Amino acid sequence: MDYWSGVQDTGWDRAQDELLALGWTDGLAVTPPTRERVEAMLAHCQVNGDEVAAILPIALDPLTWRDVAINAVMAGCPPACLPVVAAALNAIADDAFNLIGVATTTGSATPLIIVNGPIAAELDMNSAGNALGPGNRANATIGRALSLSLRNLAQVRPGELDMSTLGQPAKYTCCFSENVGASPWQALHVDRGFAVDDSVVTVVGISGSVEVVDSVSQHPTDLAQTFAQSMLIAGTIGGGALGLLGGGEPLIIMAPEIADAFHRGGFTKEQVKGAIFDAAVMPVDRLSPAVREHLAGVRASAGFGDVNAPLRVARDPQDLLIVVAGGVGVKSAYVPTWGGTTRAVSRVIRRAGVNTA
């Protein structure tokens, strides 16, 4: 590797210092959001910068497309990514997502963005190998633009509104697209009631990720057992009186080879959800005595039937979310949702010149 052959821009260095001092950045370098860059992005997407894009429940002030574009430019987004960022902001503004809880908890909760439909290919998003990792501009910058928007448009800054004890790397960015071409099942957005050719963003409030590896099992019930046991983590207990593990709507990002193994075994996606749900059961005696006693008290106060009922990862199988992504290999991921109240929310992405919001 050698020096870049371009001309050094001393204004760039000064801009980084100024933007950092303003508190606009996440600690990484940003693209200075000049009027020219922002207006060019708005023009590319054929949107009026003064039009309201979303109203976040924290800030309550209307966010304009120009507000969103400023943060998208800083994040390094190509202009065509702007509608995805705006749709994601619109999704987290939904009451079901519970942005106030996700953004202000002492937990590590943060939004994860899943993109489906034609726009994923148009943006050349990565749905295959290293889909959750670095290397793809759209994946990296869409998630970062959402994070910067929360910071700058809703004042969600560490130590102020963001009270996370540890945080997690996904707070910088967490965005990928589904590998529909390698999936034996219909896509997530179709599962959620949208048309195949709709471009849709789905946002999930996550609290981390756990790698799930099973290179031996071939029968669907055996594979389901591996996923189920990987989801039984006492430290994720939440879900109110039910004592769910996680937030009750767990996300499984399933490697194509594993999805194919389920499919070859004759399992539909709904059957996979059912098999995992049935096997993902934690007896309360696996909890510490103090936690067990506390859970019993909460359940009794809420009028819960059996205070010693086992813990589950969801209320019913349909609450499990399965998305096929990744490349070669049998490494999948269990992504627990935040133990507070949050639900996944989907929005159609507005295309240039066409209002589908």
Protein backbone atom coordinates (compact mmCIF):
# COMPACT_ATOMS: atom_id res chain seq x y z
CA MET A 1 0.00 0.00 0.00
CA ASP A 2 1.27 3.45 -0.88
CA TYR A 3 0.31 7.07 -0.28
CA TRP A 4 -2.85 8.30 -1.99
CA SER A 5 -1.86 10.36 -5.01
CA GLY A 6 -4.50 13.07 -4.55
CA VAL A 7 -3.93 16.61 -3.31
CA GLN A 8 -4.11 17.14 0.44
CA ASP A 9 -7.14 19.19 1.49
CA THR A 10 -6.24 21.14 4.61
CA GLY A 11 -9.85 22.31 4.84
CA TRP A 12 -10.88 18.69 5.46
CA ASP A 13 -8.74 18.48 8.59
CA ARG A 14 -10.14 21.76 9.90
CA ALA A 15 -13.70 20.59 9.17
CA GLN A 16 -13.19 17.41 11.20
CA ASP A 17 -12.04 19.41 14.22
CA GLU A 18 -14.93 21.87 13.90
CA LEU A 19 -17.62 19.18 13.50
CA LEU A 20 -16.20 17.19 16.41
CA ALA A 21 -16.26 20.33 18.57
CA LEU A 22 -19.90 20.88 17.62
CA GLY A 23 -20.70 17.37 18.85
CA TRP A 24 -22.06 16.32 15.45
CA THR A 25 -19.82 13.29 14.91
CA ASP A 26 -19.57 9.80 16.37
CA GLY A 27 -15.80 10.03 16.76
CA LEU A 28 -15.03 8.86 13.24
CA ALA A 29 -14.25 11.19 10.35
CA VAL A 30 -17.29 12.51 8.49
CA THR A 31 -17.93 14.11 5.13
CA PRO A 32 -18.46 17.84 5.72
CA PRO A 33 -22.16 18.54 5.01
CA THR A 34 -21.70 21.55 2.75
CA ARG A 35 -24.72 23.21 1.17
CA GLU A 36 -23.62 21.91 -2.22
CA ARG A 37 -23.39 18.28 -1.10
CA VAL A 38 -26.70 18.35 0.79
CA GLU A 39 -28.65 20.07 -1.98
CA ALA A 40 -27.18 17.70 -4.58
CA MET A 41 -28.40 14.71 -2.54
CA LEU A 42 -31.90 16.19 -2.25
CA ALA A 43 -31.97 16.94 -5.98
CA HIS A 44 -30.83 13.42 -6.84
CA CYS A 45 -33.73 11.97 -4.84
CA GLN A 46 -36.22 14.57 -6.12
CA VAL A 47 -37.41 15.58 -2.68
CA ASN A 48 -38.21 18.95 -1.18
CA GLY A 49 -35.73 19.65 1.59
CA ASP A 50 -38.38 21.47 3.66
CA GLU A 51 -40.80 18.55 3.58
CA VAL A 52 -41.23 16.62 6.83
CA ALA A 53 -39.58 13.19 6.71
CA ALA A 54 -40.37 12.00 10.26
CA ILE A 55 -41.23 13.13 13.77
CA LEU A 56 -39.22 11.26 16.38
CA PRO A 57 -40.93 10.78 19.75
CA ILE A 58 -37.84 12.06 21.61
CA ALA A 59 -37.30 15.36 19.81
CA LEU A 60 -40.96 15.88 18.79
CA ASP A 61 -39.80 18.51 16.31
CA PRO A 62 -40.47 17.63 12.66
CA LEU A 63 -37.38 16.35 10.87
CA THR A 64 -37.13 17.62 7.33
CA TRP A 65 -35.58 15.82 4.41
CA ARG A 66 -32.79 18.40 4.60
CA ASP A 67 -32.11 17.43 8.22
CA VAL A 68 -31.85 13.81 7.18
CA ALA A 69 -29.70 14.63 4.16
CA ILE A 70 -27.20 16.55 6.30
CA ASN A 71 -26.64 13.49 8.45
CA ALA A 72 -26.61 11.15 5.44
CA VAL A 73 -23.91 13.27 3.82
CA MET A 74 -21.85 13.24 7.01
CA ALA A 75 -22.20 9.46 7.23
CA GLY A 76 -20.77 9.12 3.70
CA CYS A 77 -23.98 7.95 2.03
CA PRO A 78 -24.22 7.95 -1.75
CA PRO A 79 -27.20 10.19 -2.66
CA ALA A 80 -29.43 7.22 -3.55
CA CYS A 81 -29.28 5.96 0.05
CA LEU A 82 -31.21 8.94 1.40
CA PRO A 83 -34.71 7.41 1.00
CA VAL A 84 -33.61 4.32 2.95
CA VAL A 85 -32.37 6.46 5.84
CA ALA A 86 -35.58 8.48 5.86
CA ALA A 87 -37.71 5.32 5.84
CA ALA A 88 -35.70 3.89 8.72
CA LEU A 89 -36.22 7.09 10.73
CA ASN A 90 -39.93 6.92 9.97
CA ALA A 91 -39.99 3.32 11.20
CA ILE A 92 -38.27 4.02 14.54
CA ALA A 93 -40.70 6.89 15.09
CA ASP A 94 -43.54 4.35 15.29
CA ASP A 95 -44.84 3.86 18.83
CA ALA A 96 -44.40 0.10 18.50
CA PHE A 97 -40.64 0.49 18.18
CA ASN A 98 -40.47 2.44 21.45
CA LEU A 99 -37.57 4.68 20.49
CA ILE A 100 -37.54 6.43 23.85
CA GLY A 101 -36.88 3.11 25.58
CA VAL A 102 -34.38 1.82 23.04
CA ALA A 103 -32.43 5.08 22.87
CA THR A 104 -32.27 5.89 26.58
CA THR A 105 -31.88 2.50 28.30
CA THR A 106 -28.78 1.59 30.27
CA GLY A 107 -28.78 -1.54 28.12
CA SER A 108 -27.01 -1.84 24.78
CA ALA A 109 -30.11 -1.55 22.61
CA THR A 110 -29.75 -0.02 19.15
CA PRO A 111 -31.63 -0.11 15.83
CA LEU A 112 -30.70 -2.76 13.25
CA ILE A 113 -31.79 -2.08 9.66
CA ILE A 114 -32.80 -4.77 7.16
CA VAL A 115 -33.37 -3.73 3.54
CA ASN A 116 -35.48 -5.76 1.12
CA GLY A 117 -36.67 -5.31 -2.43
CA PRO A 118 -35.21 -3.88 -5.65
CA ILE A 119 -33.46 -0.96 -3.98
CA ALA A 120 -31.03 -3.33 -2.25
CA ALA A 121 -29.60 -4.40 -5.60
CA GLU A 122 -29.68 -0.85 -6.95
CA LEU A 123 -27.53 0.27 -4.02
CA ASP A 124 -25.28 -2.80 -4.41
CA MET A 125 -25.89 -3.69 -0.78
CA ASN A 126 -24.14 -6.69 0.72
CA SER A 127 -26.40 -9.59 1.68
CA ALA A 128 -23.77 -12.31 1.32
CA GLY A 129 -20.37 -12.92 2.94
CA ASN A 130 -19.62 -10.50 5.80
CA ALA A 131 -23.06 -8.91 5.45
CA LEU A 132 -22.84 -7.63 9.03
CA GLY A 133 -19.22 -6.54 8.68
CA PRO A 134 -17.26 -3.79 6.93
CA GLY A 135 -16.55 -3.28 3.26
CA ASN A 136 -19.85 -2.21 1.68
CA ARG A 137 -20.55 1.50 1.42
CA ALA A 138 -24.36 1.35 1.46
CA ASN A 139 -24.52 -1.09 4.38
CA ALA A 140 -22.04 0.94 6.41
CA THR A 141 -23.35 4.42 5.71
CA ILE A 142 -27.11 3.82 5.94
CA GLY A 143 -26.78 2.47 9.46
CA ARG A 144 -24.35 5.24 10.39
CA ALA A 145 -26.68 7.91 9.01
CA LEU A 146 -29.47 6.64 11.26
CA SER A 147 -27.12 6.73 14.24
CA LEU A 148 -25.93 10.25 13.44
CA SER A 149 -29.53 11.39 12.95
CA LEU A 150 -30.42 10.13 16.42
CA ARG A 151 -27.41 11.97 17.80
CA ASN A 152 -28.01 15.26 16.04
CA LEU A 153 -31.75 15.42 15.50
CA ALA A 154 -32.94 13.79 18.73
CA GLN A 155 -29.98 14.64 20.99
CA VAL A 156 -29.34 10.95 21.75
CA ARG A 157 -25.74 11.34 22.91
CA PRO A 158 -23.78 9.12 25.31
CA GLY A 159 -24.09 10.32 28.89
CA GLU A 160 -26.99 12.62 28.03
CA LEU A 161 -30.01 10.74 26.68
CA ASP A 162 -28.09 7.60 25.74
CA MET A 163 -27.38 6.08 29.15
CA SER A 164 -26.02 2.74 27.91
CA THR A 165 -23.70 1.09 30.43
CA LEU A 166 -21.47 -0.50 27.78
CA GLY A 167 -23.00 0.13 24.39
CA GLN A 168 -22.04 -2.07 21.45
CA PRO A 169 -20.32 -1.63 18.07
CA ALA A 170 -23.71 -1.79 16.30
CA LYS A 171 -24.41 1.67 17.73
CA TYR A 172 -22.04 3.00 15.06
CA THR A 173 -23.86 1.22 12.26
CA CYS A 174 -25.87 -1.96 11.72
CA CYS A 175 -27.49 -2.48 8.34
CA PHE A 176 -27.66 -5.27 5.76
CA SER A 177 -29.94 -6.66 3.07
CA GLU A 178 -31.53 -10.10 2.89
CA ASN A 179 -29.90 -12.68 0.61
CA VAL A 180 -33.16 -13.51 -1.14
CA GLY A 181 -31.44 -15.16 -4.08
CA ALA A 182 -29.88 -17.76 -1.78
CA SER A 183 -32.99 -18.32 0.32
CA PRO A 184 -35.43 -21.20 -0.16
CA TRP A 185 -38.23 -19.10 1.34
CA GLN A 186 -40.01 -15.85 0.61
CA ALA A 187 -38.39 -12.65 1.83
CA LEU A 188 -38.94 -10.97 5.18
CA HIS A 189 -40.89 -8.04 3.71
CA VAL A 190 -43.28 -10.45 1.97
CA ASP A 191 -43.77 -12.24 5.29
CA ARG A 192 -44.73 -8.86 6.72
CA GLY A 193 -47.40 -8.19 4.10
CA PHE A 194 -45.58 -6.24 1.40
CA ALA A 195 -45.37 -7.03 -2.31
CA VAL A 196 -42.30 -8.79 -3.69
CA ASP A 197 -41.31 -5.77 -5.76
CA ASP A 198 -41.75 -3.28 -2.91
CA SER A 199 -38.58 -1.75 -1.49
CA VAL A 200 -38.92 -2.01 2.28
CA VAL A 201 -36.86 -1.21 5.35
CA THR A 202 -37.43 -3.13 8.60
CA VAL A 203 -35.93 -1.82 11.84
CA VAL A 204 -35.39 -4.04 14.89
CA GLY A 205 -34.31 -2.92 18.37
CA ILE A 206 -31.45 -5.30 19.17
CA SER A 207 -29.28 -5.85 22.22
CA GLY A 208 -26.36 -7.77 20.70
CA SER A 209 -25.66 -10.90 18.67
CA VAL A 210 -24.63 -14.50 19.30
CA GLU A 211 -22.95 -16.67 16.66
CA VAL A 212 -24.74 -19.98 16.12
CA VAL A 213 -22.61 -22.75 14.58
CA ASP A 214 -23.76 -26.29 13.78
CA SER A 215 -21.71 -28.07 11.11
CA VAL A 216 -22.92 -31.55 12.09
CA SER A 217 -26.72 -31.62 12.33
CA GLN A 218 -28.66 -32.28 9.15
CA HIS A 219 -32.16 -33.04 10.40
CA PRO A 220 -34.34 -29.94 10.89
CA THR A 221 -35.28 -30.80 14.47
CA ASP A 222 -31.60 -31.16 15.39
CA LEU A 223 -30.75 -27.81 13.79
CA ALA A 224 -33.70 -26.23 15.57
CA GLN A 225 -32.37 -27.57 18.86
CA THR A 226 -29.02 -25.88 18.28
CA PHE A 227 -30.68 -22.54 17.60
CA ALA A 228 -33.02 -22.93 20.58
CA GLN A 229 -30.23 -23.73 23.04
CA SER A 230 -28.20 -20.78 21.74
CA MET A 231 -31.09 -18.46 22.62
CA LEU A 232 -31.44 -19.50 26.28
CA ILE A 233 -29.41 -16.77 27.95
CA ALA A 234 -30.43 -15.91 31.50
CA GLY A 235 -28.87 -12.46 31.27
CA THR A 236 -31.36 -11.40 28.60
CA ILE A 237 -34.41 -11.86 30.80
CA GLY A 238 -37.05 -9.19 30.20
CA GLY A 239 -40.50 -9.20 28.68
CA GLY A 240 -42.32 -8.08 31.83
CA ALA A 241 -44.33 -10.57 33.85
CA LEU A 242 -43.97 -13.23 31.21
CA GLY A 243 -40.25 -13.37 31.95
CA LEU A 244 -39.29 -13.69 28.31
CA LEU A 245 -35.67 -14.12 27.32
CA GLY A 246 -35.02 -11.00 25.30
CA GLY A 247 -37.74 -8.69 24.09
CA GLY A 248 -40.06 -11.32 22.72
CA GLU A 249 -39.39 -10.86 19.00
CA PRO A 250 -35.99 -12.51 18.47
CA LEU A 251 -34.19 -12.20 15.15
CA ILE A 252 -32.39 -15.13 13.57
CA ILE A 253 -30.02 -14.27 10.72
CA MET A 254 -29.70 -17.65 9.07
CA ALA A 255 -26.86 -18.68 6.76
CA PRO A 256 -28.10 -19.89 3.34
CA GLU A 257 -26.57 -23.36 3.87
CA ILE A 258 -28.53 -23.78 7.08
CA ALA A 259 -31.74 -22.52 5.48
CA ASP A 260 -31.21 -25.02 2.66
CA ALA A 261 -30.74 -27.83 5.20
CA PHE A 262 -34.06 -26.97 6.80
CA HIS A 263 -35.67 -26.79 3.36
CA ARG A 264 -34.24 -30.13 2.24
CA GLY A 265 -35.68 -31.62 5.41
CA GLY A 266 -39.12 -30.46 4.32
CA PHE A 267 -39.47 -27.55 6.74
CA THR A 268 -41.15 -24.31 5.75
CA LYS A 269 -40.07 -21.12 7.47
CA GLU A 270 -43.15 -21.32 9.70
CA GLN A 271 -42.25 -24.87 10.71
CA VAL A 272 -38.71 -23.76 11.54
CA LYS A 273 -40.11 -21.04 13.79
CA GLY A 274 -42.36 -23.57 15.50
CA ALA A 275 -39.57 -26.09 16.06
CA ILE A 276 -37.23 -23.48 17.53
CA PHE A 277 -39.98 -22.03 19.71
CA ASP A 278 -40.92 -25.45 21.08
CA ALA A 279 -37.30 -26.26 21.96
CA ALA A 280 -36.33 -22.85 23.36
CA VAL A 281 -37.53 -23.37 26.92
CA MET A 282 -35.60 -22.50 30.10
CA PRO A 283 -36.82 -23.95 33.43
CA VAL A 284 -36.80 -21.32 36.17
CA ASP A 285 -34.49 -23.48 38.28
CA ARG A 286 -31.68 -22.46 35.92
CA LEU A 287 -32.00 -18.90 37.22
CA SER A 288 -30.23 -17.74 40.35
CA PRO A 289 -32.37 -17.97 43.51
CA ALA A 290 -32.61 -14.18 43.72
CA VAL A 291 -33.71 -13.77 40.11
CA ARG A 292 -36.15 -16.66 40.46
CA GLU A 293 -37.71 -15.08 43.54
CA HIS A 294 -37.95 -11.69 41.87
CA LEU A 295 -39.57 -13.17 38.75
CA ALA A 296 -42.12 -15.05 40.86
CA GLY A 297 -43.03 -11.83 42.66
CA VAL A 298 -43.44 -9.88 39.41
CA ARG A 299 -45.59 -12.64 37.96
CA ALA A 300 -47.75 -12.87 41.08
CA SER A 301 -48.34 -9.10 41.10
CA ALA A 302 -49.36 -9.22 37.44
CA GLY A 303 -51.78 -12.11 38.00
CA PHE A 304 -49.66 -14.47 35.93
CA GLY A 305 -50.97 -18.03 36.26
CA ASP A 306 -47.97 -20.20 37.09
CA VAL A 307 -45.24 -18.09 38.66
CA ASN A 308 -42.79 -20.96 38.15
CA ALA A 309 -43.60 -21.47 34.47
CA PRO A 310 -40.51 -21.89 32.27
CA LEU A 311 -39.13 -18.95 30.34
CA ARG A 312 -39.48 -18.66 26.57
CA VAL A 313 -37.92 -16.51 23.90
CA ALA A 314 -41.24 -15.24 22.53
CA ARG A 315 -44.95 -15.29 23.19
CA ASP A 316 -45.63 -17.49 20.18
CA PRO A 317 -43.72 -18.88 17.18
CA GLN A 318 -44.86 -16.11 14.84
CA ASP A 319 -42.91 -13.58 16.88
CA LEU A 320 -39.63 -15.09 15.70
CA LEU A 321 -38.06 -13.21 12.79
CA ILE A 322 -35.98 -15.23 10.32
CA VAL A 323 -33.85 -13.51 7.68
CA VAL A 324 -31.51 -15.39 5.34
CA ALA A 325 -28.16 -13.64 4.85
CA GLY A 326 -24.47 -14.41 4.60
CA GLY A 327 -22.17 -16.32 2.32
CA VAL A 328 -20.46 -19.71 2.35
CA GLY A 329 -20.44 -21.51 5.70
CA VAL A 330 -22.77 -22.61 8.48
CA LYS A 331 -22.36 -19.59 10.76
CA SER A 332 -25.68 -18.00 11.61
CA ALA A 333 -26.58 -15.47 14.31
CA TYR A 334 -29.13 -15.11 17.06
CA VAL A 335 -29.90 -11.43 17.61
CA PRO A 336 -31.89 -10.90 20.82
CA THR A 337 -34.22 -7.95 20.85
CA TRP A 338 -34.08 -5.49 23.72
CA GLY A 339 -35.71 -6.81 26.90
CA GLY A 340 -37.88 -3.73 27.19
CA THR A 341 -40.93 -3.18 25.02
CA THR A 342 -40.04 -2.97 21.34
CA ARG A 343 -41.38 -4.42 18.11
CA ALA A 344 -39.94 -4.57 14.61
CA VAL A 345 -41.40 -1.94 12.28
CA SER A 346 -41.36 -1.93 8.46
CA ARG A 347 -41.81 0.94 6.03
CA VAL A 348 -41.97 1.17 2.25
CA ILE A 349 -39.02 3.19 0.93
CA ARG A 350 -39.93 6.29 -1.02
CA ARG A 351 -38.42 6.19 -4.50
CA ALA A 352 -37.22 9.23 -6.43
CA GLY A 353 -40.17 11.27 -7.58
CA VAL A 354 -42.76 8.84 -6.22
CA ASN A 355 -44.31 9.26 -2.77
CA THR A 356 -45.01 5.76 -1.43
CA ALA A 357 -44.87 6.74 2.25
